[in-house]
């Protein structure tokens, strides 16, 4: 059975929604929720390891962390009702 390929933007949105569903699922372990929450706080925080005023790498570290967390959360299952 052939499946339709999604464009990268749509795929990223779906992965972010899944990460949110993993965060909200009741069966997700606390350490996973803690890591996702701390990662989100780091991304939105004004304090960074690499400051944003550096031309490319300042923003790249936030995007890399977001991609890593979303990809990592993709390995966890949700209980079905939260994944809508």
C-alpha atoms as a PDB file:
ATOM      1  CA  UNK A   1       0.000   0.000   0.000  1.00  0.00           C
ATOM      2  CA  UNK A   2       1.480   3.330  -1.053  1.00  0.00           C
ATOM      3  CA  UNK A   3       1.351   6.270   1.339  1.00  0.00           C
ATOM      4  CA  UNK A   4       1.439   9.918   0.396  1.00  0.00           C
ATOM      5  CA  UNK A   5       4.671  11.739   1.237  1.00  0.00           C
ATOM      6  CA  UNK A   6       4.151  14.792   3.435  1.00  0.00           C
ATOM      7  CA  UNK A   7       6.064  17.993   2.869  1.00  0.00           C
ATOM      8  CA  UNK A   8       8.596  18.820   5.618  1.00  0.00           C
ATOM      9  CA  UNK A   9       6.506  21.634   7.128  1.00  0.00           C
ATOM     10  CA  UNK A  10       3.405  19.448   7.479  1.00  0.00           C
ATOM     11  CA  UNK A  11       5.466  16.627   8.904  1.00  0.00           C
ATOM     12  CA  UNK A  12       7.048  18.971  11.477  1.00  0.00           C
ATOM     13  CA  UNK A  13       3.597  20.219  12.547  1.00  0.00           C
ATOM     14  CA  UNK A  14       2.319  16.650  12.950  1.00  0.00           C
ATOM     15  CA  UNK A  15       5.398  15.686  14.966  1.00  0.00           C
ATOM     16  CA  UNK A  16       4.955  18.725  17.241  1.00  0.00           C
ATOM     17  CA  UNK A  17       1.297  17.798  17.808  1.00  0.00           C
ATOM     18  CA  UNK A  18       2.367  14.274  18.700  1.00  0.00           C
ATOM     19  CA  UNK A  19       4.965  15.638  21.157  1.00  0.00           C
ATOM     20  CA  UNK A  20       2.206  17.710  22.784  1.00  0.00           C
ATOM     21  CA  UNK A  21      -0.026  14.630  22.979  1.00  0.00           C
ATOM     22  CA  UNK A  22       2.815  12.666  24.592  1.00  0.00           C
ATOM     23  CA  UNK A  23       3.271  15.468  27.133  1.00  0.00           C
ATOM     24  CA  UNK A  24      -0.447  15.447  27.991  1.00  0.00           C
ATOM     25  CA  UNK A  25      -0.951  11.655  28.023  1.00  0.00           C
ATOM     26  CA  UNK A  26      -1.618  10.132  31.421  1.00  0.00           C
ATOM     27  CA  UNK A  27       0.546   7.083  30.722  1.00  0.00           C
ATOM     28  CA  UNK A  28       3.671   9.127  29.875  1.00  0.00           C
ATOM     29  CA  UNK A  29       6.367   8.748  32.567  1.00  0.00           C
ATOM     30  CA  UNK A  30       7.103  11.821  34.668  1.00  0.00           C
ATOM     31  CA  UNK A  31      10.746  11.990  33.616  1.00  0.00           C
ATOM     32  CA  UNK A  32       9.679  12.315  29.972  1.00  0.00           C
ATOM     33  CA  UNK A  33       7.279  15.136  30.822  1.00  0.00           C
ATOM     34  CA  UNK A  34       9.978  16.810  32.899  1.00  0.00           C
ATOM     35  CA  UNK A  35      12.532  16.680  30.076  1.00  0.00           C
ATOM     36  CA  UNK A  36      10.026  17.987  27.512  1.00  0.00           C
ATOM     37  CA  UNK A  37       8.966  20.795  29.861  1.00  0.00           C
ATOM     38  CA  UNK A  38      12.518  21.865  30.695  1.00  0.00           C
ATOM     39  CA  UNK A  39      13.412  21.772  27.001  1.00  0.00           C
ATOM     40  CA  UNK A  40      10.458  24.005  26.149  1.00  0.00           C
ATOM     41  CA  UNK A  41      11.388  26.442  28.897  1.00  0.00           C
ATOM     42  CA  UNK A  42      14.964  26.578  27.586  1.00  0.00           C
ATOM     43  CA  UNK A  43      13.738  27.250  24.038  1.00  0.00           C
ATOM     44  CA  UNK A  44      11.490  30.162  25.042  1.00  0.00           C
ATOM     45  CA  UNK A  45      13.849  31.516  27.700  1.00  0.00           C
ATOM     46  CA  UNK A  46      15.875  34.659  26.978  1.00  0.00           C
ATOM     47  CA  UNK A  47      18.969  32.999  28.510  1.00  0.00           C
ATOM     48  CA  UNK A  48      20.796  30.610  26.207  1.00  0.00           C
ATOM     49  CA  UNK A  49      24.091  28.809  26.013  1.00  0.00           C
ATOM     50  CA  UNK A  50      24.541  30.430  22.604  1.00  0.00           C
ATOM     51  CA  UNK A  51      22.923  33.917  22.551  1.00  0.00           C
ATOM     52  CA  UNK A  52      20.486  34.876  19.783  1.00  0.00           C
ATOM     53  CA  UNK A  53      22.511  37.920  18.726  1.00  0.00           C
ATOM     54  CA  UNK A  54      25.077  35.622  17.099  1.00  0.00           C
ATOM     55  CA  UNK A  55      24.012  35.558  13.430  1.00  0.00           C
ATOM     56  CA  UNK A  56      23.099  31.952  12.607  1.00  0.00           C
ATOM     57  CA  UNK A  57      24.162  29.690  15.428  1.00  0.00           C
ATOM     58  CA  UNK A  58      22.283  31.705  18.058  1.00  0.00           C
ATOM     59  CA  UNK A  59      18.915  30.618  16.731  1.00  0.00           C
ATOM     60  CA  UNK A  60      20.142  27.280  15.417  1.00  0.00           C
ATOM     61  CA  UNK A  61      20.681  25.855  18.913  1.00  0.00           C
ATOM     62  CA  UNK A  62      17.012  26.483  19.799  1.00  0.00           C
ATOM     63  CA  UNK A  63      15.807  24.878  16.558  1.00  0.00           C
ATOM     64  CA  UNK A  64      18.135  21.914  17.067  1.00  0.00           C
ATOM     65  CA  UNK A  65      16.885  21.347  20.611  1.00  0.00           C
ATOM     66  CA  UNK A  66      13.253  21.620  19.483  1.00  0.00           C
ATOM     67  CA  UNK A  67      13.870  19.114  16.684  1.00  0.00           C
ATOM     68  CA  UNK A  68      15.637  16.747  19.077  1.00  0.00           C
ATOM     69  CA  UNK A  69      12.851  16.895  21.673  1.00  0.00           C
ATOM     70  CA  UNK A  70      10.094  16.464  19.089  1.00  0.00           C
ATOM     71  CA  UNK A  71      11.921  13.542  17.496  1.00  0.00           C
ATOM     72  CA  UNK A  72      12.551  11.949  20.905  1.00  0.00           C
ATOM     73  CA  UNK A  73       8.880  12.343  21.902  1.00  0.00           C
ATOM     74  CA  UNK A  74       7.918  10.587  18.671  1.00  0.00           C
ATOM     75  CA  UNK A  75       9.205   7.345  20.148  1.00  0.00           C
ATOM     76  CA  UNK A  76       6.532   7.355  22.861  1.00  0.00           C
ATOM     77  CA  UNK A  77       2.962   6.188  22.448  1.00  0.00           C
ATOM     78  CA  UNK A  78      -0.119   8.064  23.584  1.00  0.00           C
ATOM     79  CA  UNK A  79      -3.327   6.528  24.853  1.00  0.00           C
ATOM     80  CA  UNK A  80      -5.286   7.419  21.722  1.00  0.00           C
ATOM     81  CA  UNK A  81      -7.716  10.028  23.038  1.00  0.00           C
ATOM     82  CA  UNK A  82      -5.017  12.695  23.488  1.00  0.00           C
ATOM     83  CA  UNK A  83      -3.476  12.185  20.041  1.00  0.00           C
ATOM     84  CA  UNK A  84      -6.324  13.846  18.121  1.00  0.00           C
END
